Protein backbone atom coordinates (compact mmCIF):
# COMPACT_ATOMS: atom_id res chain seq x y z
CA UNK A 1 -36.08 -21.88 4.23
CA UNK A 2 -34.22 -25.02 3.23
CA UNK A 3 -30.62 -23.83 3.38
CA UNK A 4 -29.22 -27.29 2.74
CA UNK A 5 -30.65 -27.28 -0.77
CA UNK A 6 -28.91 -24.01 -1.73
CA UNK A 7 -25.81 -24.90 -3.71
CA UNK A 8 -24.00 -23.99 -6.89
CA UNK A 9 -21.56 -25.56 -9.28
CA UNK A 10 -18.05 -24.21 -9.72
CA UNK A 11 -16.94 -24.57 -13.30
CA UNK A 12 -15.30 -21.35 -14.48
CA UNK A 13 -11.76 -22.72 -14.51
CA UNK A 14 -8.81 -24.26 -12.71
CA UNK A 15 -5.67 -23.04 -11.00
CA UNK A 16 -2.74 -25.21 -12.05
CA UNK A 17 0.94 -25.36 -11.17
CA UNK A 18 1.79 -23.54 -14.39
CA UNK A 19 -0.41 -20.60 -13.28
CA UNK A 20 1.46 -20.12 -10.01
CA UNK A 21 4.45 -17.68 -10.11
CA UNK A 22 7.30 -17.46 -7.62
CA UNK A 23 5.72 -14.61 -5.65
CA UNK A 24 2.11 -14.40 -4.48
CA UNK A 25 1.81 -10.73 -5.40
CA UNK A 26 2.07 -11.41 -9.13
CA UNK A 27 -0.87 -13.81 -8.99
CA UNK A 28 -2.77 -11.50 -6.63
CA UNK A 29 -2.33 -8.56 -9.01
CA UNK A 30 -3.60 -10.66 -11.91
CA UNK A 31 -6.65 -11.85 -9.96
CA UNK A 32 -7.41 -8.35 -8.67
CA UNK A 33 -7.25 -6.97 -12.21
CA UNK A 34 -9.65 -9.72 -13.32
CA UNK A 35 -12.03 -8.83 -10.48
CA UNK A 36 -12.00 -5.14 -11.44
CA UNK A 37 -12.31 -5.68 -15.17
CA UNK A 38 -15.09 -8.27 -15.11
CA UNK A 39 -17.50 -5.70 -13.62
CA UNK A 40 -19.32 -8.35 -11.59
CA UNK A 41 -17.84 -7.41 -8.22
CA UNK A 42 -19.30 -4.20 -6.78
CA UNK A 43 -16.33 -3.70 -4.43
CA UNK A 44 -13.38 -5.63 -5.87
CA UNK A 45 -10.94 -4.04 -3.41
CA UNK A 46 -13.02 -4.96 -0.36
CA UNK A 47 -11.24 -7.23 2.10
CA UNK A 48 -12.30 -8.69 5.42
CA UNK A 49 -9.70 -7.97 8.10
CA UNK A 50 -9.66 -10.15 11.22
CA UNK A 51 -8.06 -9.14 14.53
CA UNK A 52 -8.16 -10.38 18.13
CA UNK A 53 -8.51 -8.37 21.33
CA UNK A 54 -6.80 -8.74 24.69
CA UNK A 55 -9.21 -11.55 25.62
CA UNK A 56 -8.50 -13.40 22.36
CA UNK A 57 -11.97 -12.55 21.06
CA UNK A 58 -11.86 -12.32 17.25
CA UNK A 59 -13.48 -9.54 15.23
CA UNK A 60 -13.90 -9.06 11.50
CA UNK A 61 -14.80 -6.07 9.37
CA UNK A 62 -14.61 -5.09 5.72
CA UNK A 63 -12.16 -2.38 4.71
CA UNK A 64 -10.89 -1.27 1.30
CA UNK A 65 -7.46 -2.11 -0.05
CA UNK A 66 -5.70 1.14 -0.96
CA UNK A 67 -2.44 -0.15 -2.34
CA UNK A 68 -0.05 -3.06 -2.43
CA UNK A 69 3.41 -4.06 -3.56
CA UNK A 70 5.89 -6.78 -2.67
CA UNK A 71 6.10 -5.38 0.87
CA UNK A 72 2.41 -5.90 1.65
CA UNK A 73 -1.17 -4.61 1.54
CA UNK A 74 -2.16 -1.09 2.64
CA UNK A 75 -5.39 0.11 4.22
CA UNK A 76 -6.43 3.13 6.29
CA UNK A 77 -8.64 3.54 9.33
CA UNK A 78 -9.32 5.32 12.60
CA UNK A 79 -6.67 3.90 14.94
CA UNK A 80 -8.94 4.46 17.94
CA UNK A 81 -11.38 1.95 16.45
CA UNK A 82 -11.65 -1.61 17.76
CA UNK A 83 -9.36 -2.86 15.00
CA UNK A 84 -6.80 -0.17 15.74
CA UNK A 85 -6.77 -1.07 19.43
CA UNK A 86 -6.55 -4.77 18.60
CA UNK A 87 -3.59 -4.22 16.28
CA UNK A 88 -1.81 -2.12 18.92
CA UNK A 89 -2.01 -5.10 21.29
CA UNK A 90 -1.48 -7.87 18.76
CA UNK A 91 -0.34 -7.00 15.23
CA UNK A 92 -1.04 -10.49 13.89
CA UNK A 93 -3.98 -10.24 11.48
CA UNK A 94 -5.54 -11.99 8.53
CA UNK A 95 -7.42 -10.59 5.57
CA UNK A 96 -9.63 -12.22 3.00
CA UNK A 97 -10.78 -11.32 -0.51
CA UNK A 98 -13.88 -13.03 -1.94
CA UNK A 99 -14.48 -12.60 -5.67
CA UNK A 100 -17.39 -15.00 -5.83
CA UNK A 101 -18.43 -14.08 -9.36
CA UNK A 102 -15.05 -15.47 -10.47
CA UNK A 103 -15.19 -18.36 -7.98
CA UNK A 104 -12.01 -17.10 -6.33
CA UNK A 105 -10.79 -16.30 -2.84
CA UNK A 106 -7.45 -15.10 -1.49
CA UNK A 107 -6.40 -15.24 2.16
CA UNK A 108 -3.44 -13.37 3.68
CA UNK A 109 -1.97 -13.91 7.13
CA UNK A 110 0.74 -11.70 8.63
CA UNK A 111 1.59 -8.67 10.76
CA UNK A 112 0.07 -5.19 10.48
CA UNK A 113 2.68 -2.44 10.63
CA UNK A 114 1.82 1.29 10.88
CA UNK A 115 2.48 3.41 7.81
CA UNK A 116 4.63 6.53 7.96
CA UNK A 117 3.18 9.96 8.64
CA UNK A 118 4.05 10.93 5.07
CA UNK A 119 2.08 7.97 3.68
CA UNK A 120 -0.84 8.85 5.95
CA UNK A 121 -0.85 12.48 4.81
CA UNK A 122 -0.53 11.60 1.13
CA UNK A 123 -3.56 9.36 1.19
CA UNK A 124 -5.65 11.55 3.53
CA UNK A 125 -5.28 14.60 1.27
CA UNK A 126 -6.06 12.55 -1.83
CA UNK A 127 -9.55 11.89 -0.42
CA UNK A 128 -12.58 14.06 -1.21
CA UNK A 129 -13.06 17.06 1.10
CA UNK A 130 -16.26 15.55 2.50
CA UNK A 131 -14.48 12.32 3.42
CA UNK A 132 -11.71 14.25 5.16
CA UNK A 133 -14.28 16.04 7.32
CA UNK A 134 -16.06 12.77 8.07
CA UNK A 135 -12.79 11.28 9.32
CA UNK A 136 -12.15 14.37 11.44
CA UNK A 137 -15.49 14.29 13.28
CA UNK A 138 -15.90 10.56 13.81
CA UNK A 139 -15.12 9.00 17.17
CA UNK A 140 -15.42 5.59 15.57
CA UNK A 141 -17.31 2.91 17.52
CA UNK A 142 -18.35 5.35 20.27
CA UNK A 143 -22.06 5.81 21.08
CA UNK A 144 -24.08 8.74 19.69
CA UNK A 145 -27.64 9.80 20.39
CA UNK A 146 -28.99 9.85 16.84
CA UNK A 147 -28.08 10.12 13.19
CA UNK A 148 -29.44 13.68 13.20
CA UNK A 149 -26.86 14.60 15.82
CA UNK A 150 -24.07 13.12 13.70
CA UNK A 151 -25.22 14.85 10.52
CA UNK A 152 -25.68 18.20 12.29
CA UNK A 153 -22.11 18.12 13.62
CA UNK A 154 -20.83 17.02 10.20
CA UNK A 155 -22.58 19.96 8.49
CA UNK A 156 -21.14 22.38 11.04
CA UNK A 157 -17.61 21.15 10.34
CA UNK A 158 -18.17 21.24 6.58
CA UNK A 159 -18.97 24.92 6.88
CA UNK A 160 -16.07 25.59 9.25
CA UNK A 161 -13.46 24.06 6.94
CA UNK A 162 -14.87 25.21 3.62
CA UNK A 163 -11.93 26.59 1.63
CA UNK A 164 -9.45 25.50 4.31
CA UNK A 165 -7.19 22.51 4.79
CA UNK A 166 -8.76 19.87 7.01
CA UNK A 167 -6.26 18.72 9.66
CA UNK A 168 -5.63 15.00 9.53
CA UNK A 169 -6.47 13.53 12.93
CA UNK A 170 -3.40 12.00 14.57
CA UNK A 171 -5.41 8.86 15.28
CA UNK A 172 -6.24 8.41 11.60
CA UNK A 173 -3.75 6.51 9.48
CA UNK A 174 -2.81 3.34 7.71
CA UNK A 175 -1.30 -0.08 8.12
CA UNK A 176 0.69 -2.37 5.91
CA UNK A 177 -0.16 -6.05 6.25
CA UNK A 178 3.15 -7.85 5.76
CA UNK A 179 2.14 -11.41 4.91
CA UNK A 180 3.86 -14.62 5.95
CA UNK A 181 1.25 -16.82 4.25
CA UNK A 182 -1.00 -16.30 1.23
CA UNK A 183 -3.54 -18.85 0.01
CA UNK A 184 -5.31 -18.81 -3.36
CA UNK A 185 -8.58 -20.71 -3.87
CA UNK A 186 -10.26 -21.42 -7.20
CA UNK A 187 -13.62 -23.18 -7.17
CA UNK A 188 -13.70 -26.53 -8.94
CA UNK A 189 -16.39 -28.87 -10.20
CA UNK A 190 -17.67 -31.52 -7.77
CA UNK A 191 -16.05 -29.46 -4.97
CA UNK A 192 -12.56 -30.44 -6.19
CA UNK A 193 -11.31 -26.92 -5.57
CA UNK A 194 -7.78 -25.78 -6.42
CA UNK A 195 -5.81 -24.40 -3.47
CA UNK A 196 -2.23 -23.17 -3.39
CA UNK A 197 -0.50 -21.74 -0.32
CA UNK A 198 2.59 -19.55 -0.30
CA UNK A 199 4.74 -19.47 2.83
CA UNK A 200 7.52 -16.96 3.39
CA UNK A 201 10.72 -18.99 3.74
CA UNK A 202 13.17 -16.06 3.95
CA UNK A 203 13.26 -12.33 3.21
CA UNK A 204 12.25 -12.57 -0.47
CA UNK A 205 11.84 -16.30 -0.92
CA UNK A 206 8.45 -17.98 -0.98
CA UNK A 207 7.65 -21.67 -0.97
CA UNK A 208 4.43 -22.74 -2.67
CA UNK A 209 2.42 -25.93 -2.23
CA UNK A 210 -0.85 -27.32 -3.51
CA UNK A 211 -3.39 -28.19 -0.79
CA UNK A 212 -6.21 -30.69 -0.89
CA UNK A 213 -9.66 -29.11 -1.14
């Protein structure tokens, strides 16, 4: 396979100074809405979250964005997972959205802060019953003998909790990524991409700057 010959043109549009508001979340909301409405992105809320472990080894995985506001981005996970352990040691993370059908990317860098127990409960009990049980039984990232073993235990717990409230595991919850930097990337013709980076200057004050491609 000749990978060097695989290329595409970027010609959907530009990101100009007049398109860039004072806060990154306004532009992010607009782009996310575009990604959802265009119907060309199968998982428009998917984001790649990067963490580092105690040996400074990086890891990445895709999780789903479950909410955001001016305070940051929210996602949920098993806190006994590799990412949960990494965040407990070093809360500095980055996350990345790729909406390639729109020739757009957004990159956040900041700290991951644990959500409150109330926020964890509210989201957990908004999930389908089957997903609640799946979260209860999973020792994420730990070995298991076979898929049959996993499914058998899952079916047992489905029956046990049918018609009952599933207890939210204490190790299951969410984080808020509080960004200090946010970069927006719009593909451009001849690889003259548009890039703007926001940097948090003070509590609610962002600076914004165009970057070379």
